[in-house]
């Protein structure tokens, strides 16, 4: 099993929106970065655990966890001209963009802000904390995932 961090802007889709979805499950659509797409398409597997991160929030924070419940499949928003994530170059016969489905596991009682994450020695090498890191889908090591769960259990 691998671990991941998925970034979302809460004004677009928050963890509360995920909680309100039928079966607390949604397709993680709209990813339009090739490296992030490759992580979802090539590396994410059913059962992998996910940290949900609210970016561009006040404060930006890890807000909960989810599980991958369906592996990569074509992202239909790429083919919908009325969708903000439409890509006219994406071909349904040879799709460019993929998504995974995730199911909510837990909403943290207290979000874990970025600044709090920066103060944890066990997270020193975490991709999220690297200067200039902007990937919306990124791997998280087992030890980083466990350190964040320990932080969440303290609140």
C-alpha atoms as a PDB file:
ATOM      1  CA  UNK A   1       0.000   0.000   0.000  1.00  0.00           C
ATOM      2  CA  UNK A   2       1.192   3.497  -0.857  1.00  0.00           C
ATOM      3  CA  UNK A   3       0.231   6.852   0.595  1.00  0.00           C
ATOM      4  CA  UNK A   4      -0.607  10.073  -1.201  1.00  0.00           C
ATOM      5  CA  UNK A   5      -1.503  13.690  -0.620  1.00  0.00           C
ATOM      6  CA  UNK A   6      -4.230  15.234  -2.774  1.00  0.00           C
ATOM      7  CA  UNK A   7      -4.534  19.010  -2.836  1.00  0.00           C
ATOM      8  CA  UNK A   8      -7.819  20.756  -3.347  1.00  0.00           C
ATOM      9  CA  UNK A   9      -8.972  24.320  -2.919  1.00  0.00           C
ATOM     10  CA  UNK A  10     -11.830  24.229  -0.417  1.00  0.00           C
ATOM     11  CA  UNK A  11     -13.717  26.908  -2.370  1.00  0.00           C
ATOM     12  CA  UNK A  12     -13.781  24.459  -5.318  1.00  0.00           C
ATOM     13  CA  UNK A  13     -14.144  21.093  -3.528  1.00  0.00           C
ATOM     14  CA  UNK A  14     -13.639  20.681   0.197  1.00  0.00           C
ATOM     15  CA  UNK A  15     -13.461  17.669   2.451  1.00  0.00           C
ATOM     16  CA  UNK A  16     -16.956  18.654   3.589  1.00  0.00           C
ATOM     17  CA  UNK A  17     -18.075  18.352  -0.034  1.00  0.00           C
ATOM     18  CA  UNK A  18     -16.557  14.856  -0.089  1.00  0.00           C
ATOM     19  CA  UNK A  19     -18.428  14.023   3.122  1.00  0.00           C
ATOM     20  CA  UNK A  20     -21.675  15.137   1.441  1.00  0.00           C
ATOM     21  CA  UNK A  21     -21.160  12.956  -1.672  1.00  0.00           C
ATOM     22  CA  UNK A  22     -23.195   9.766  -2.039  1.00  0.00           C
ATOM     23  CA  UNK A  23     -21.330   7.016  -0.154  1.00  0.00           C
ATOM     24  CA  UNK A  24     -18.775   9.753   0.682  1.00  0.00           C
ATOM     25  CA  UNK A  25     -17.088   8.842  -2.595  1.00  0.00           C
ATOM     26  CA  UNK A  26     -16.041  10.939  -5.587  1.00  0.00           C
ATOM     27  CA  UNK A  27     -13.900  10.868  -8.682  1.00  0.00           C
ATOM     28  CA  UNK A  28     -10.775  13.003  -8.235  1.00  0.00           C
ATOM     29  CA  UNK A  29     -11.208  14.760 -11.573  1.00  0.00           C
ATOM     30  CA  UNK A  30      -9.723  17.857 -13.128  1.00  0.00           C
ATOM     31  CA  UNK A  31      -6.026  17.077 -12.594  1.00  0.00           C
ATOM     32  CA  UNK A  32      -4.199  18.732 -15.504  1.00  0.00           C
ATOM     33  CA  UNK A  33      -0.547  18.256 -14.619  1.00  0.00           C
ATOM     34  CA  UNK A  34       1.296  15.420 -16.343  1.00  0.00           C
ATOM     35  CA  UNK A  35       3.354  14.341 -13.336  1.00  0.00           C
ATOM     36  CA  UNK A  36       0.275  14.316 -11.070  1.00  0.00           C
ATOM     37  CA  UNK A  37      -1.645  12.414 -13.769  1.00  0.00           C
ATOM     38  CA  UNK A  38       1.165   9.863 -14.012  1.00  0.00           C
ATOM     39  CA  UNK A  39       1.069   9.251 -10.261  1.00  0.00           C
ATOM     40  CA  UNK A  40      -2.675   8.551 -10.481  1.00  0.00           C
ATOM     41  CA  UNK A  41      -2.499   6.535 -13.701  1.00  0.00           C
ATOM     42  CA  UNK A  42       0.667   4.532 -13.061  1.00  0.00           C
ATOM     43  CA  UNK A  43       1.111   4.267  -9.300  1.00  0.00           C
ATOM     44  CA  UNK A  44      -2.128   4.689  -7.330  1.00  0.00           C
ATOM     45  CA  UNK A  45      -3.854   1.465  -6.430  1.00  0.00           C
ATOM     46  CA  UNK A  46      -7.128   0.507  -4.816  1.00  0.00           C
ATOM     47  CA  UNK A  47      -6.619   0.557  -1.041  1.00  0.00           C
ATOM     48  CA  UNK A  48      -3.936   3.255  -1.065  1.00  0.00           C
ATOM     49  CA  UNK A  49      -4.455   5.850   1.681  1.00  0.00           C
ATOM     50  CA  UNK A  50      -4.746   9.561   0.977  1.00  0.00           C
ATOM     51  CA  UNK A  51      -4.227  12.755   2.951  1.00  0.00           C
ATOM     52  CA  UNK A  52      -6.653  15.473   1.845  1.00  0.00           C
ATOM     53  CA  UNK A  53      -5.016  18.903   1.853  1.00  0.00           C
ATOM     54  CA  UNK A  54      -6.819  22.240   1.548  1.00  0.00           C
ATOM     55  CA  UNK A  55      -4.564  24.570  -0.439  1.00  0.00           C
ATOM     56  CA  UNK A  56      -5.121  28.296  -0.875  1.00  0.00           C
ATOM     57  CA  UNK A  57      -7.024  28.210   2.399  1.00  0.00           C
ATOM     58  CA  UNK A  58      -6.606  30.218   5.558  1.00  0.00           C
ATOM     59  CA  UNK A  59      -4.657  28.344   6.722  1.00  0.00           C
ATOM     60  CA  UNK A  60      -3.634  25.717   4.195  1.00  0.00           C
ATOM     61  CA  UNK A  61      -3.866  22.411   6.068  1.00  0.00           C
ATOM     62  CA  UNK A  62      -4.217  18.634   5.991  1.00  0.00           C
ATOM     63  CA  UNK A  63      -7.894  18.169   6.849  1.00  0.00           C
ATOM     64  CA  UNK A  64      -8.545  14.425   6.704  1.00  0.00           C
ATOM     65  CA  UNK A  65      -7.981  11.072   5.058  1.00  0.00           C
ATOM     66  CA  UNK A  66      -9.501   9.008   2.278  1.00  0.00           C
ATOM     67  CA  UNK A  67      -8.894   5.706   0.505  1.00  0.00           C
ATOM     68  CA  UNK A  68      -8.533   5.015  -3.225  1.00  0.00           C
ATOM     69  CA  UNK A  69     -11.535   2.839  -4.115  1.00  0.00           C
ATOM     70  CA  UNK A  70     -11.153   2.774  -7.906  1.00  0.00           C
ATOM     71  CA  UNK A  71      -7.930   2.862  -9.856  1.00  0.00           C
ATOM     72  CA  UNK A  72      -7.219   5.253 -12.720  1.00  0.00           C
ATOM     73  CA  UNK A  73      -9.819   5.639 -15.432  1.00  0.00           C
ATOM     74  CA  UNK A  74     -10.402   8.337 -18.066  1.00  0.00           C
ATOM     75  CA  UNK A  75     -11.473  11.693 -16.637  1.00  0.00           C
ATOM     76  CA  UNK A  76     -14.788  12.544 -18.358  1.00  0.00           C
ATOM     77  CA  UNK A  77     -14.413  16.259 -17.583  1.00  0.00           C
ATOM     78  CA  UNK A  78     -11.707  16.388 -20.273  1.00  0.00           C
ATOM     79  CA  UNK A  79     -14.330  15.544 -22.938  1.00  0.00           C
ATOM     80  CA  UNK A  80     -17.106  17.880 -21.718  1.00  0.00           C
ATOM     81  CA  UNK A  81     -16.956  21.280 -23.452  1.00  0.00           C
ATOM     82  CA  UNK A  82     -19.131  22.777 -20.703  1.00  0.00           C
ATOM     83  CA  UNK A  83     -16.680  21.746 -17.952  1.00  0.00           C
ATOM     84  CA  UNK A  84     -13.938  24.061 -16.727  1.00  0.00           C
ATOM     85  CA  UNK A  85     -11.460  21.155 -17.127  1.00  0.00           C
ATOM     86  CA  UNK A  86     -12.360  20.497 -20.788  1.00  0.00           C
ATOM     87  CA  UNK A  87      -9.346  19.668 -22.984  1.00  0.00           C
ATOM     88  CA  UNK A  88     -10.192  19.795 -26.704  1.00  0.00           C
ATOM     89  CA  UNK A  89      -6.997  17.832 -27.486  1.00  0.00           C
ATOM     90  CA  UNK A  90      -7.984  14.876 -25.283  1.00  0.00           C
ATOM     91  CA  UNK A  91      -9.385  11.983 -27.305  1.00  0.00           C
ATOM     92  CA  UNK A  92     -11.840   9.538 -25.676  1.00  0.00           C
ATOM     93  CA  UNK A  93     -10.208   6.728 -27.718  1.00  0.00           C
ATOM     94  CA  UNK A  94      -6.759   7.641 -26.373  1.00  0.00           C
ATOM     95  CA  UNK A  95      -7.385   9.744 -23.241  1.00  0.00           C
ATOM     96  CA  UNK A  96      -4.809  12.171 -21.937  1.00  0.00           C
ATOM     97  CA  UNK A  97      -6.317  12.728 -18.494  1.00  0.00           C
ATOM     98  CA  UNK A  98      -7.195  10.220 -15.808  1.00  0.00           C
ATOM     99  CA  UNK A  99      -8.732  10.223 -12.349  1.00  0.00           C
ATOM    100  CA  UNK A 100      -9.118   7.883  -9.399  1.00  0.00           C
ATOM    101  CA  UNK A 101     -12.111   7.514  -7.114  1.00  0.00           C
ATOM    102  CA  UNK A 102     -11.663   8.121  -3.405  1.00  0.00           C
ATOM    103  CA  UNK A 103     -13.844   7.487  -0.355  1.00  0.00           C
ATOM    104  CA  UNK A 104     -13.675   9.570   2.785  1.00  0.00           C
ATOM    105  CA  UNK A 105     -12.174   7.900   5.835  1.00  0.00           C
ATOM    106  CA  UNK A 106     -12.018  10.731   8.368  1.00  0.00           C
ATOM    107  CA  UNK A 107     -12.308  14.470   8.745  1.00  0.00           C
ATOM    108  CA  UNK A 108      -9.768  15.638  11.297  1.00  0.00           C
ATOM    109  CA  UNK A 109     -11.229  17.297  14.398  1.00  0.00           C
ATOM    110  CA  UNK A 110      -8.698  20.084  13.874  1.00  0.00           C
ATOM    111  CA  UNK A 111      -6.967  20.761  10.547  1.00  0.00           C
ATOM    112  CA  UNK A 112      -3.170  20.444  10.667  1.00  0.00           C
ATOM    113  CA  UNK A 113      -1.844  23.708   9.229  1.00  0.00           C
ATOM    114  CA  UNK A 114       1.171  23.877   6.963  1.00  0.00           C
ATOM    115  CA  UNK A 115       3.164  25.743   9.615  1.00  0.00           C
ATOM    116  CA  UNK A 116       2.531  22.967  12.145  1.00  0.00           C
ATOM    117  CA  UNK A 117       3.724  20.397   9.601  1.00  0.00           C
ATOM    118  CA  UNK A 118       6.932  22.382   9.087  1.00  0.00           C
ATOM    119  CA  UNK A 119       7.726  22.066  12.800  1.00  0.00           C
ATOM    120  CA  UNK A 120       7.716  18.236  12.808  1.00  0.00           C
ATOM    121  CA  UNK A 121      11.176  16.696  12.336  1.00  0.00           C
ATOM    122  CA  UNK A 122       9.701  13.476  10.897  1.00  0.00           C
ATOM    123  CA  UNK A 123       8.228  15.516   8.023  1.00  0.00           C
ATOM    124  CA  UNK A 124      11.441  17.337   7.107  1.00  0.00           C
ATOM    125  CA  UNK A 125      11.730  15.610   3.709  1.00  0.00           C
ATOM    126  CA  UNK A 126       8.027  15.661   2.828  1.00  0.00           C
ATOM    127  CA  UNK A 127       7.329  16.774  -0.756  1.00  0.00           C
ATOM    128  CA  UNK A 128       4.627  19.189   0.421  1.00  0.00           C
ATOM    129  CA  UNK A 129       7.196  21.096   2.488  1.00  0.00           C
ATOM    130  CA  UNK A 130       9.750  21.506  -0.299  1.00  0.00           C
ATOM    131  CA  UNK A 131      10.120  25.077  -1.505  1.00  0.00           C
ATOM    132  CA  UNK A 132       8.248  25.535  -4.761  1.00  0.00           C
ATOM    133  CA  UNK A 133       6.380  22.229  -4.537  1.00  0.00           C
ATOM    134  CA  UNK A 134       3.048  22.717  -6.265  1.00  0.00           C
ATOM    135  CA  UNK A 135       1.986  19.217  -7.334  1.00  0.00           C
ATOM    136  CA  UNK A 136      -1.673  18.496  -6.625  1.00  0.00           C
ATOM    137  CA  UNK A 137      -1.006  14.749  -6.337  1.00  0.00           C
ATOM    138  CA  UNK A 138       2.141  13.696  -4.512  1.00  0.00           C
ATOM    139  CA  UNK A 139       3.539  10.634  -2.810  1.00  0.00           C
ATOM    140  CA  UNK A 140       3.799  10.500   0.980  1.00  0.00           C
ATOM    141  CA  UNK A 141       6.062   8.028   2.763  1.00  0.00           C
ATOM    142  CA  UNK A 142       4.640   5.580   5.306  1.00  0.00           C
ATOM    143  CA  UNK A 143       6.467   7.379   8.131  1.00  0.00           C
ATOM    144  CA  UNK A 144       5.168  10.799   7.001  1.00  0.00           C
ATOM    145  CA  UNK A 145       1.607   9.465   6.800  1.00  0.00           C
ATOM    146  CA  UNK A 146       1.859   7.962  10.294  1.00  0.00           C
ATOM    147  CA  UNK A 147       3.385  11.171  11.722  1.00  0.00           C
ATOM    148  CA  UNK A 148       0.439  13.169  10.373  1.00  0.00           C
ATOM    149  CA  UNK A 149      -2.074  10.691  11.796  1.00  0.00           C
ATOM    150  CA  UNK A 150      -0.345  11.062  15.193  1.00  0.00           C
ATOM    151  CA  UNK A 151      -0.677  14.864  14.941  1.00  0.00           C
ATOM    152  CA  UNK A 152      -4.367  14.510  14.082  1.00  0.00           C
ATOM    153  CA  UNK A 153      -5.020  12.200  17.034  1.00  0.00           C
ATOM    154  CA  UNK A 154      -3.701  14.838  19.452  1.00  0.00           C
ATOM    155  CA  UNK A 155      -6.392  17.357  18.548  1.00  0.00           C
END
